[in-house]
Protein backbone atom coordinates (compact mmCIF):
# COMPACT_ATOMS: atom_id res chain seq x y z
CA UNK A 1 124.32 125.32 86.58
CA UNK A 2 125.13 125.42 90.29
CA UNK A 3 122.36 123.99 92.51
CA UNK A 4 121.91 123.88 96.28
CA UNK A 5 119.43 121.33 97.69
CA UNK A 6 118.40 121.02 101.33
CA UNK A 7 116.68 118.03 102.93
CA UNK A 8 115.01 117.83 106.34
CA UNK A 9 113.06 114.56 106.12
CA UNK A 10 113.55 111.05 104.66
CA UNK A 11 110.90 111.72 101.99
CA UNK A 12 112.92 114.71 100.80
CA UNK A 13 115.85 112.39 100.11
CA UNK A 14 113.63 110.06 98.07
CA UNK A 15 112.16 113.03 96.16
CA UNK A 16 115.44 114.65 95.21
CA UNK A 17 117.53 111.53 94.56
CA UNK A 18 116.33 110.96 90.93
CA UNK A 19 116.25 114.71 90.29
CA UNK A 20 119.87 115.05 91.43
CA UNK A 21 120.86 112.19 89.17
CA UNK A 22 119.30 113.92 86.15
CA UNK A 23 120.98 117.23 86.99
CA UNK A 24 124.39 115.62 87.35
CA UNK A 25 123.90 113.78 84.06
CA UNK A 26 123.42 117.23 82.50
CA UNK A 27 126.76 118.33 83.97
CA UNK A 28 125.27 120.52 86.70
CA UNK A 29 126.97 120.87 90.09
CA UNK A 30 124.74 119.91 93.02
CA UNK A 31 125.43 120.60 96.70
CA UNK A 32 123.27 118.89 99.32
CA UNK A 33 122.76 120.11 102.88
CA UNK A 34 120.75 118.36 105.58
CA UNK A 35 119.65 118.36 109.17
CA UNK A 36 119.28 115.22 111.23
CA UNK A 37 115.74 113.87 111.02
CA UNK A 38 114.63 110.27 111.43
CA UNK A 39 116.66 108.25 108.89
CA UNK A 40 117.33 111.03 106.36
CA UNK A 41 121.12 110.88 106.85
CA UNK A 42 121.12 107.09 106.55
CA UNK A 43 119.25 107.37 103.25
CA UNK A 44 121.67 109.96 101.88
CA UNK A 45 124.50 107.55 102.72
CA UNK A 46 122.64 104.60 101.21
CA UNK A 47 122.10 106.49 97.93
CA UNK A 48 125.73 107.63 97.89
CA UNK A 49 124.74 111.32 97.93
CA UNK A 50 127.53 113.57 99.20
CA UNK A 51 126.09 115.95 101.78
CA UNK A 52 126.85 118.27 104.67
CA UNK A 53 124.89 118.07 107.94
CA UNK A 54 124.26 121.60 109.21
CA UNK A 55 122.39 120.94 112.48
CA UNK A 56 121.27 118.09 114.72
CA UNK A 57 117.90 117.35 116.26
CA UNK A 58 116.08 119.95 118.42
CA UNK A 59 115.37 119.03 122.04
CA UNK A 60 112.29 121.25 122.53
CA UNK A 61 109.95 123.68 120.77
CA UNK A 62 112.26 126.51 121.77
CA UNK A 63 115.18 124.44 120.58
CA UNK A 64 113.43 124.07 117.22
CA UNK A 65 113.42 127.85 116.76
CA UNK A 66 117.10 128.11 117.72
CA UNK A 67 117.94 125.22 115.42
CA UNK A 68 116.18 126.93 112.49
CA UNK A 69 118.16 130.12 113.04
CA UNK A 70 121.42 128.16 113.20
CA UNK A 71 120.45 126.17 110.12
CA UNK A 72 119.75 129.28 108.08
CA UNK A 73 122.97 130.98 109.19
CA UNK A 74 125.12 127.97 108.31
CA UNK A 75 123.32 127.52 105.00
CA UNK A 76 123.96 131.20 104.18
CA UNK A 77 127.69 130.81 104.92
CA UNK A 78 127.91 127.71 102.73
CA UNK A 79 125.89 129.27 99.89
CA UNK A 80 128.12 132.35 99.84
CA UNK A 81 131.07 130.08 99.04
CA UNK A 82 129.15 128.05 96.43
CA UNK A 83 127.47 130.99 94.63
CA UNK A 84 124.47 128.89 93.44
CA UNK A 85 122.15 129.72 90.57
CA UNK A 86 119.23 127.85 92.15
CA UNK A 87 118.37 126.73 95.68
CA UNK A 88 115.56 124.24 96.20
CA UNK A 89 113.84 122.30 98.98
CA UNK A 90 110.57 120.81 100.13
CA UNK A 91 109.11 123.24 102.67
CA UNK A 92 112.10 125.42 102.00
CA UNK A 93 111.92 128.18 104.61
CA UNK A 94 115.72 128.41 104.86
CA UNK A 95 116.14 128.21 101.08
CA UNK A 96 113.61 131.00 100.50
CA UNK A 97 115.36 133.26 103.01
CA UNK A 98 118.97 132.53 102.07
CA UNK A 99 118.63 132.51 98.27
CA UNK A 100 117.90 136.23 97.99
CA UNK A 101 120.95 137.00 100.15
CA UNK A 102 123.28 135.17 97.76
CA UNK A 103 121.66 136.18 94.45
CA UNK A 104 120.15 132.78 93.69
CA UNK A 105 116.68 131.79 92.54
CA UNK A 106 114.61 129.68 94.93
CA UNK A 107 112.20 126.85 94.07
CA UNK A 108 110.10 125.65 97.01
CA UNK A 109 107.94 122.52 96.86
CA UNK A 110 104.75 122.49 98.94
CA UNK A 111 101.84 120.04 99.13
CA UNK A 112 100.28 120.72 102.53
CA UNK A 113 97.73 123.49 103.03
CA UNK A 114 97.12 125.44 106.21
CA UNK A 115 100.70 125.36 107.53
CA UNK A 116 101.84 128.46 109.41
CA UNK A 117 105.43 128.06 108.18
CA UNK A 118 104.24 128.81 104.64
CA UNK A 119 103.72 132.42 105.74
CA UNK A 120 107.43 132.56 106.61
CA UNK A 121 108.43 130.98 103.31
CA UNK A 122 106.28 131.82 100.30
CA UNK A 123 106.66 135.66 100.38
CA UNK A 124 110.42 135.18 99.87
CA UNK A 125 110.35 132.30 97.33
CA UNK A 126 110.75 132.95 93.60
CA UNK A 127 108.78 129.83 92.64
CA UNK A 128 106.35 127.78 94.70
CA UNK A 129 105.51 124.44 93.08
CA UNK A 130 102.39 122.59 94.26
CA UNK A 131 100.08 119.81 93.07
CA UNK A 132 97.34 121.03 90.74
CA UNK A 133 94.49 120.96 93.27
CA UNK A 134 96.38 122.75 96.04
CA UNK A 135 94.07 125.22 97.74
CA UNK A 136 95.45 128.73 97.85
CA UNK A 137 97.29 130.97 95.43
CA UNK A 138 100.86 132.23 95.83
CA UNK A 139 100.76 134.69 92.95
CA UNK A 140 102.83 134.90 89.77
CA UNK A 141 105.49 132.52 91.05
CA UNK A 142 103.00 129.74 91.81
CA UNK A 143 103.48 126.75 89.47
CA UNK A 144 101.03 123.81 89.57
CA UNK A 145 101.66 120.29 88.26
CA UNK A 146 99.31 117.33 87.95
CA UNK A 147 101.06 114.93 90.30
CA UNK A 148 102.40 114.37 93.80
CA UNK A 149 105.87 114.81 95.26
CA UNK A 150 105.93 111.07 95.94
CA UNK A 151 105.58 110.34 92.20
CA UNK A 152 109.15 111.58 91.76
CA UNK A 153 110.32 108.27 93.22
CA UNK A 154 107.28 105.96 93.10
CA UNK A 155 106.24 106.51 89.50
CA UNK A 156 106.58 103.17 87.64
CA UNK A 157 109.01 104.84 85.23
CA UNK A 158 111.58 104.40 88.01
CA UNK A 159 110.13 102.34 90.88
CA UNK A 160 110.35 98.57 90.35
CA UNK A 161 109.50 96.56 93.49
CA UNK A 162 112.16 94.06 94.51
CA UNK A 163 110.81 90.91 96.19
CA UNK A 164 114.29 89.42 96.47
CA UNK A 165 115.47 92.37 98.53
CA UNK A 166 112.73 91.61 101.05
CA UNK A 167 113.50 87.89 101.08
CA UNK A 168 117.15 88.63 101.88
CA UNK A 169 115.90 90.15 105.17
CA UNK A 170 113.54 87.30 105.97
CA UNK A 171 110.31 88.86 104.66
CA UNK A 172 108.13 86.75 102.38
CA UNK A 173 106.45 89.17 99.93
CA UNK A 174 103.68 86.61 99.35
CA UNK A 175 102.86 86.29 103.05
CA UNK A 176 100.07 88.18 104.82
CA UNK A 177 101.48 91.24 106.55
CA UNK A 178 100.54 94.82 107.44
CA UNK A 179 102.76 97.89 107.74
CA UNK A 180 102.00 100.34 110.55
CA UNK A 181 103.60 103.77 110.87
CA UNK A 182 103.70 105.92 114.03
CA UNK A 183 105.31 109.31 113.58
CA UNK A 184 106.83 111.74 116.05
CA UNK A 185 104.77 114.94 116.19
CA UNK A 186 107.66 117.31 116.90
CA UNK A 187 107.95 119.57 113.85
CA UNK A 188 106.89 123.22 113.95
CA UNK A 189 103.88 122.52 111.72
CA UNK A 190 102.77 119.71 114.10
CA UNK A 191 101.92 122.00 117.01
CA UNK A 192 98.35 121.28 118.13
CA UNK A 193 98.03 118.19 115.91
CA UNK A 194 98.28 114.47 116.64
CA UNK A 195 97.74 110.97 115.33
CA UNK A 196 97.06 107.71 117.18
CA UNK A 197 96.77 107.74 120.96
CA UNK A 198 98.83 105.23 122.92
CA UNK A 199 95.75 103.07 123.53
CA UNK A 200 94.80 103.12 119.85
CA UNK A 201 98.32 102.11 118.86
CA UNK A 202 98.10 99.01 121.06
CA UNK A 203 94.59 98.25 119.87
CA UNK A 204 95.64 98.59 116.23
CA UNK A 205 98.67 96.30 116.45
CA UNK A 206 96.80 93.67 118.48
CA UNK A 207 93.84 93.70 116.09
CA UNK A 208 95.98 93.37 112.95
CA UNK A 209 98.20 90.70 114.54
CA UNK A 210 95.18 88.38 114.75
CA UNK A 211 95.10 88.28 110.93
CA UNK A 212 98.61 89.03 109.66
CA UNK A 213 102.22 89.74 110.57
CA UNK A 214 102.57 93.36 111.67
CA UNK A 215 105.65 95.51 110.98
CA UNK A 216 105.85 98.82 112.84
CA UNK A 217 107.77 101.83 111.49
CA UNK A 218 108.33 104.44 114.20
CA UNK A 219 110.37 107.63 114.59
CA UNK A 220 110.60 106.98 118.32
CA UNK A 221 112.00 103.91 120.04
CA UNK A 222 109.34 101.22 120.14
CA UNK A 223 107.75 100.40 123.51
CA UNK A 224 108.47 96.89 124.83
CA UNK A 225 105.14 95.46 123.62
CA UNK A 226 106.02 96.35 120.00
CA UNK A 227 109.63 95.16 119.97
CA UNK A 228 108.73 91.97 118.09
CA UNK A 229 107.06 94.11 115.41
CA UNK A 230 110.05 96.29 114.56
CA UNK A 231 110.79 97.09 110.92
CA UNK A 232 112.58 94.05 109.43
CA UNK A 233 114.27 95.84 106.49
CA UNK A 234 116.59 98.85 106.11
CA UNK A 235 114.94 102.20 105.26
CA UNK A 236 115.78 102.07 101.54
CA UNK A 237 113.60 98.93 101.17
CA UNK A 238 110.54 100.32 102.94
CA UNK A 239 108.72 101.05 99.66
CA UNK A 240 109.21 97.45 98.53
CA UNK A 241 107.77 96.38 101.89
CA UNK A 242 104.82 98.73 101.37
CA UNK A 243 104.17 97.53 97.83
CA UNK A 244 103.72 93.88 98.85
CA UNK A 245 101.82 94.61 102.08
CA UNK A 246 98.18 93.61 102.51
CA UNK A 247 97.49 96.99 104.07
CA UNK A 248 99.07 100.10 105.53
CA UNK A 249 97.82 102.03 108.56
CA UNK A 250 99.46 105.07 110.12
CA UNK A 251 99.51 108.70 111.18
CA UNK A 252 102.18 109.74 108.67
CA UNK A 253 101.02 111.88 105.76
CA UNK A 254 103.94 110.90 103.53
CA UNK A 255 103.79 107.14 104.04
CA UNK A 256 99.99 107.17 103.68
CA UNK A 257 100.42 108.81 100.28
CA UNK A 258 103.19 106.37 99.34
CA UNK A 259 101.03 103.37 100.19
CA UNK A 260 98.11 104.78 98.20
CA UNK A 261 100.29 105.43 95.13
CA UNK A 262 101.59 101.84 95.34
CA UNK A 263 98.04 100.46 95.33
CA UNK A 264 98.30 99.13 98.89
CA UNK A 265 95.03 99.45 100.88
CA UNK A 266 95.75 102.42 103.11
CA UNK A 267 94.24 104.01 106.22
CA UNK A 268 95.47 107.35 107.56
CA UNK A 269 94.68 108.73 111.03
CA UNK A 270 95.50 112.39 111.68
CA UNK A 271 93.71 115.06 113.69
CA UNK A 272 93.30 117.31 110.62
CA UNK A 273 91.68 114.54 108.55
CA UNK A 274 88.27 116.08 109.04
CA UNK A 275 85.89 118.02 106.79
CA UNK A 276 88.65 120.44 105.70
CA UNK A 277 91.37 117.93 104.87
CA UNK A 278 94.38 118.64 102.66
CA UNK A 279 93.75 118.45 98.92
CA UNK A 280 96.13 115.55 98.22
CA UNK A 281 94.29 113.30 100.65
CA UNK A 282 90.90 114.38 99.37
CA UNK A 283 91.97 113.47 95.84
CA UNK A 284 93.47 110.11 96.86
CA UNK A 285 90.21 109.36 98.64
CA UNK A 286 88.30 110.17 95.46
CA UNK A 287 90.42 107.64 93.60
CA UNK A 288 89.49 105.11 96.28
CA UNK A 289 93.13 104.61 97.29
CA UNK A 290 93.16 106.10 100.80
CA UNK A 291 90.77 106.15 103.74
CA UNK A 292 91.35 109.11 106.09
CA UNK A 293 89.92 109.74 109.54
CA UNK A 294 90.68 111.76 112.67
CA UNK A 295 89.28 108.98 114.88
CA UNK A 296 91.76 106.32 116.05
CA UNK A 297 89.09 103.72 116.81
CA UNK A 298 87.54 104.19 113.37
CA UNK A 299 90.98 103.76 111.78
CA UNK A 300 91.43 100.46 113.64
CA UNK A 301 88.04 99.19 112.46
CA UNK A 302 88.71 100.17 108.85
CA UNK A 303 92.17 98.60 108.89
CA UNK A 304 90.97 95.24 110.17
CA UNK A 305 88.28 95.23 107.48
CA UNK A 306 90.88 95.83 104.76
CA UNK A 307 93.10 93.00 105.99
CA UNK A 308 90.14 90.63 106.10
CA UNK A 309 88.76 91.48 102.65
CA UNK A 310 92.05 91.88 100.72
CA UNK A 311 90.59 93.48 97.53
CA UNK A 312 93.94 93.45 95.73
CA UNK A 313 92.69 93.58 92.12
CA UNK A 314 90.36 96.51 92.80
CA UNK A 315 93.13 98.56 94.40
CA UNK A 316 95.47 97.89 91.49
CA UNK A 317 92.81 99.09 89.02
CA UNK A 318 92.41 102.30 91.01
CA UNK A 319 96.16 102.81 91.04
CA UNK A 320 96.37 102.37 87.27
CA UNK A 321 93.61 104.92 86.77
CA UNK A 322 95.48 107.46 88.91
CA UNK A 323 98.78 106.87 87.10
CA UNK A 324 97.10 107.39 83.75
CA UNK A 325 96.03 110.88 84.87
CA UNK A 326 99.23 112.01 86.63
CA UNK A 327 102.67 113.07 85.39
CA UNK A 328 106.10 111.71 86.10
CA UNK A 329 107.32 114.55 88.34
CA UNK A 330 111.08 114.19 87.73
CA UNK A 331 111.25 115.62 84.14
CA UNK A 332 108.99 118.47 85.25
CA UNK A 333 111.18 119.26 88.27
CA UNK A 334 114.41 119.21 86.27
CA UNK A 335 113.06 121.59 83.63
CA UNK A 336 111.73 123.93 86.28
CA UNK A 337 115.13 124.11 87.99
CA UNK A 338 116.89 124.60 84.64
CA UNK A 339 114.52 127.46 83.78
CA UNK A 340 115.25 129.16 87.07
CA UNK A 341 118.98 128.62 86.61
CA UNK A 342 118.74 130.40 83.28
CA UNK A 343 116.74 133.21 84.90
CA UNK A 344 119.56 133.64 87.41
CA UNK A 345 121.92 134.40 84.55
CA UNK A 346 123.36 131.12 83.25
CA UNK A 347 122.94 130.21 79.58
CA UNK A 348 120.75 127.09 79.50
CA UNK A 349 118.62 125.26 76.92
CA UNK A 350 115.06 126.54 76.60
CA UNK A 351 113.47 123.72 78.60
CA UNK A 352 110.36 125.21 80.12
CA UNK A 353 108.20 123.17 82.51
CA UNK A 354 105.17 123.72 80.34
CA UNK A 355 106.69 122.22 77.20
CA UNK A 356 105.61 118.81 76.00
CA UNK A 357 107.08 115.67 77.49
CA UNK A 358 105.14 112.42 77.11
CA UNK A 359 106.08 111.25 80.61
CA UNK A 360 104.51 114.39 82.06
CA UNK A 361 101.13 113.70 80.52
CA UNK A 362 100.51 110.03 81.01
CA UNK A 363 102.23 107.06 82.58
CA UNK A 364 103.68 104.80 79.92
CA UNK A 365 104.94 101.94 82.05
CA UNK A 366 102.26 100.70 84.43
CA UNK A 367 102.94 97.81 86.77
């Protein structure tokens, strides 16, 4: 089977890395294309994933539209040469558009409701894969699974926290510390949305610093007052850092989910975290693993409470309960791609996503 994968975000690299490994173990050919975003290229290099960068970073909202057009054109040219059976991506607007032009099947992964870009993507996608509780219906090609994209790389079947990796960079995993994430709100789906204000960022870091070491992860260059709080480890160790943290606070949807799935007390601040929040965050809140708010001051208050109380055992119990109810996403994803490859015309084993696999039903190896 010939597979094209595109990545536009660091989390996409984490998601696809174990899936690519499984596909290559099967003997499939995989071609990875990327655009520059945060540390995505660094992660591809760190994982040893061969890739081609199609476009750089946009410099404006208008530049974002031009970049998307360039990205799709260059992806189309590359896909014509490769002749893929399946093209897949998270978000996947370019994949959905280009796949039909080159006779490939497209599998698009979505987990965020209410995004305008979905209207440009889902009508052209052959398969749209979402978590089970995703609101909305994309028709016959809509496949639901009982998990999260982040469980492709944070499920205990493959994630094993490494305290020695942290120690090699001067971080004591047994020390009191908090991880804070400030994202750059520059994507097309970010228009009209926001996270922490500048004042709330300062208030948050100062408040947490009274009780613990604070490490700040930021897509933008840190202002001078946060320079001493810069991330102490390379990007591929950030999940180990999250696992041992006393709490996480941030305005990143992905890292908030990651912290929650690792059992780290987590607070998320985003403007759409109101009464009509996205289903993933509602569900993580029901498990007691994530506190979401659209109010920066409230997020600061909640975060300082978590650091002070440190209810580690309770959070680990909640995490175990979630893992017992969710699948390991990697076997599911591989079988889905294989099925679509067969649909495109290749002769493949009859591995359908709905068939039994113990790792898809329950977690076997809980930390």
